[in-house]
Amino acid sequence: MQAVFQFSTIFMFMIKLLNILMEAEGKINFTNWVMPTNDILKREFKVEHELKGLHLFDDENSFINAVKGGKIITVTDSIDRTIQRRSRTSDFDSLFRLIRGYRSYPEFRNKETLMAIYDGFKEGKPMEYPIVLELPDGKLSVFSGNTRMDIAFQLGIEPKVIVAKVENND
C-alpha cells in the first residue's frame, strides 16, 4: 500500500515538474477543451446575438443546433489571422485594457476572471471551446471566446474552437 502511495506521489510530482518546465519554455500542454452546455449556449446566444442585435440565426435552437453540429478545429497562428473580430492581444495588460471596454465589465469580466482563465489553462481545468462562425460568404468570425483564445495563444497553446456554420437566412 505504501509503495502505491509513494508511486502516485512521485507521479504527481513529475507531472507538476513537467508543467513547470513547459511554462518556462512558454508552452503549456492543454487538452481539456469541453463542449459548452446548453445553458452556456443559451447565455451566449442572448449576450452575443440578441443583445447585439444580430440576425445570423432564426432563434436560439437554430444557434444551438449549428454549434452542436459544428466541427472542432485547432486554430494555428495562420488560421487565427483569418478570423474576423479577433483582438489578438499579446499580454495580460493589453487584454485587461480591452475587457475594460466590454459591457460585461466589471460585473462578469474583471481582473479576477481573467486570472481565473490563465490559472484554468495552467491547471488543466475544463475550458469551453470558443465559438467561431463560418459566415455564408465563407469567412470566419469569432462569436464568443475571444478572451480564451487570446490567453491560450499568450500561453503557447493553439486553441481548439467549434466552427458553427451560419446558413444564409435571406
Protein backbone atom coordinates (compact mmCIF):
# COMPACT_ATOMS: atom_id res chain seq x y z
CA MET A 1 0.00 0.00 0.00
CA GLN A 2 2.81 2.38 0.90
CA ALA A 3 4.55 1.66 -2.43
CA VAL A 4 1.38 2.64 -4.35
CA PHE A 5 1.14 5.87 -2.36
CA GLN A 6 4.80 6.68 -3.00
CA PHE A 7 4.40 5.94 -6.71
CA SER A 8 1.35 8.19 -7.02
CA THR A 9 3.13 10.96 -5.09
CA ILE A 10 6.19 10.70 -7.34
CA PHE A 11 3.96 10.60 -10.44
CA MET A 12 2.09 13.75 -9.38
CA PHE A 13 5.41 15.48 -8.64
CA MET A 14 6.67 14.57 -12.13
CA ILE A 15 3.53 16.00 -13.76
CA LYS A 16 3.93 19.25 -11.81
CA LEU A 17 7.59 19.41 -12.79
CA LEU A 18 6.71 18.86 -16.45
CA ASN A 19 4.14 21.69 -16.29
CA ILE A 20 6.75 23.99 -14.71
CA LEU A 21 9.28 23.15 -17.41
CA MET A 22 6.72 23.69 -20.18
CA GLU A 23 5.73 27.01 -18.62
CA ALA A 24 9.39 28.03 -18.52
CA GLU A 25 9.54 27.38 -22.27
CA GLY A 26 6.39 29.46 -22.72
CA LYS A 27 4.28 26.43 -23.61
CA ILE A 28 1.58 24.68 -21.66
CA ASN A 29 0.17 21.35 -22.71
CA PHE A 30 -3.58 21.88 -22.52
CA THR A 31 -6.05 19.23 -23.66
CA ASN A 32 -9.13 19.87 -21.53
CA TRP A 33 -11.40 21.67 -24.02
CA VAL A 34 -15.07 20.86 -23.44
CA MET A 35 -18.35 21.40 -25.28
CA PRO A 36 -20.37 24.28 -23.78
CA THR A 37 -23.52 23.12 -22.03
CA ASN A 38 -26.95 24.07 -23.36
CA ASP A 39 -27.25 26.65 -20.56
CA ILE A 40 -23.97 28.27 -21.61
CA LEU A 41 -25.03 28.22 -25.28
CA LYS A 42 -28.34 29.87 -24.36
CA ARG A 43 -26.45 32.58 -22.45
CA GLU A 44 -24.02 33.08 -25.35
CA PHE A 45 -26.95 33.41 -27.78
CA LYS A 46 -28.59 36.04 -25.59
CA VAL A 47 -25.42 38.04 -24.90
CA GLU A 48 -23.62 37.73 -28.24
CA HIS A 49 -26.60 37.53 -30.62
CA GLU A 50 -29.75 39.07 -29.20
CA LEU A 51 -28.26 41.90 -27.12
CA LYS A 52 -26.00 42.88 -30.01
CA GLY A 53 -28.94 42.89 -32.43
CA LEU A 54 -27.51 40.25 -34.75
CA HIS A 55 -29.70 38.33 -37.19
CA LEU A 56 -27.46 35.38 -38.04
CA PHE A 57 -29.74 32.68 -36.61
CA ASP A 58 -33.52 32.41 -36.67
CA ASP A 59 -33.70 31.55 -32.99
CA GLU A 60 -31.87 30.07 -30.03
CA ASN A 61 -32.49 26.48 -31.17
CA SER A 62 -31.03 27.05 -34.64
CA PHE A 63 -27.93 28.54 -32.96
CA ILE A 64 -27.56 25.61 -30.57
CA ASN A 65 -28.02 23.12 -33.43
CA ALA A 66 -25.40 24.93 -35.52
CA VAL A 67 -22.90 24.80 -32.65
CA LYS A 68 -23.60 21.16 -31.80
CA GLY A 69 -23.31 20.26 -35.48
CA GLY A 70 -20.15 22.33 -35.91
CA LYS A 71 -16.68 21.00 -36.43
CA ILE A 72 -13.88 21.31 -33.90
CA ILE A 73 -10.62 22.64 -35.29
CA THR A 74 -7.24 23.63 -33.88
CA VAL A 75 -6.52 27.29 -34.54
CA THR A 76 -2.94 27.90 -35.63
CA ASP A 77 -1.44 31.38 -35.94
CA SER A 78 -2.12 31.39 -39.68
CA ILE A 79 -5.78 30.37 -39.22
CA ASP A 80 -6.16 32.93 -36.42
CA ARG A 81 -5.12 35.72 -38.80
CA THR A 82 -8.15 34.85 -40.98
CA ILE A 83 -10.71 35.10 -38.15
CA GLN A 84 -12.56 38.40 -38.03
CA ARG A 85 -13.30 40.24 -34.75
CA ARG A 86 -10.23 38.76 -33.01
CA SER A 87 -8.29 41.06 -30.70
CA ARG A 88 -5.04 39.08 -30.66
CA THR A 89 -3.72 40.74 -27.51
CA SER A 90 -0.19 39.73 -26.58
CA ASP A 91 -0.18 40.04 -22.78
CA PHE A 92 -2.32 40.36 -19.67
CA ASP A 93 -2.20 44.17 -19.54
CA SER A 94 -3.41 44.67 -23.11
CA LEU A 95 -6.15 42.07 -22.62
CA PHE A 96 -7.21 43.76 -19.38
CA ARG A 97 -7.39 47.14 -21.13
CA LEU A 98 -9.56 45.52 -23.81
CA ILE A 99 -12.09 43.94 -21.43
CA ARG A 100 -12.48 47.21 -19.53
CA GLY A 101 -14.42 48.38 -22.60
CA TYR A 102 -16.81 45.41 -22.50
CA ARG A 103 -20.38 45.91 -21.31
CA SER A 104 -19.80 42.94 -19.01
CA TYR A 105 -17.00 44.79 -17.16
CA PRO A 106 -16.61 44.70 -14.18
CA GLU A 107 -19.58 42.54 -13.19
CA PHE A 108 -18.75 39.50 -15.32
CA ARG A 109 -15.30 40.29 -16.72
CA ASN A 110 -12.57 41.75 -14.49
CA LYS A 111 -9.00 41.10 -13.31
CA GLU A 112 -10.08 38.15 -11.19
CA THR A 113 -11.99 36.45 -14.01
CA LEU A 114 -9.01 36.93 -16.35
CA MET A 115 -6.64 35.42 -13.79
CA ALA A 116 -9.06 32.50 -13.34
CA ILE A 117 -8.81 31.77 -17.08
CA TYR A 118 -4.99 31.94 -17.02
CA ASP A 119 -4.93 29.68 -13.95
CA GLY A 120 -7.50 27.33 -15.50
CA PHE A 121 -5.26 26.75 -18.51
CA LYS A 122 -2.19 26.27 -16.32
CA GLU A 123 -4.01 23.85 -14.01
CA GLY A 124 -5.70 21.91 -16.81
CA LYS A 125 -9.24 22.81 -15.75
CA PRO A 126 -12.08 22.28 -18.25
CA MET A 127 -12.36 25.17 -20.70
CA GLU A 128 -15.31 25.64 -23.07
CA TYR A 129 -14.48 25.72 -26.75
CA PRO A 130 -14.68 29.23 -28.15
CA ILE A 131 -17.28 29.55 -30.92
CA VAL A 132 -16.23 30.74 -34.36
CA LEU A 133 -18.85 31.27 -37.05
CA GLU A 134 -18.42 30.35 -40.68
CA LEU A 135 -20.43 33.05 -42.41
CA PRO A 136 -22.36 32.47 -45.66
CA ASP A 137 -19.51 34.10 -47.62
CA GLY A 138 -17.07 31.54 -46.17
CA LYS A 139 -15.30 33.99 -43.85
CA LEU A 140 -14.67 33.13 -40.21
CA SER A 141 -15.69 35.41 -37.33
CA VAL A 142 -15.26 34.88 -33.59
CA PHE A 143 -18.66 34.74 -31.88
CA SER A 144 -17.63 34.02 -28.30
CA GLY A 145 -14.40 33.06 -26.59
CA ASN A 146 -12.08 35.78 -27.90
CA THR A 147 -10.59 36.16 -24.40
CA ARG A 148 -9.98 32.41 -24.06
CA MET A 149 -8.32 32.38 -27.47
CA ASP A 150 -6.06 35.34 -26.59
CA ILE A 151 -4.99 33.75 -23.31
CA ALA A 152 -4.38 30.38 -24.97
CA PHE A 153 -2.09 31.97 -27.57
CA GLN A 154 -0.31 34.00 -24.87
CA LEU A 155 0.43 30.73 -23.04
CA GLY A 156 1.69 28.98 -26.17
CA ILE A 157 -1.49 26.92 -26.62
CA GLU A 158 -3.15 26.53 -30.01
CA PRO A 159 -6.82 26.81 -29.06
CA LYS A 160 -9.46 24.41 -30.24
CA VAL A 161 -12.72 26.02 -31.34
CA ILE A 162 -16.13 24.98 -32.60
CA VAL A 163 -16.81 26.29 -36.09
CA ALA A 164 -20.58 26.72 -36.46
CA LYS A 165 -21.91 27.32 -39.94
CA VAL A 166 -24.30 30.24 -40.45
CA GLU A 167 -26.87 29.38 -43.08
CA ASN A 168 -27.96 32.16 -45.39
CA ASN A 169 -31.27 33.41 -43.94
CA ASP A 170 -32.26 35.53 -46.97
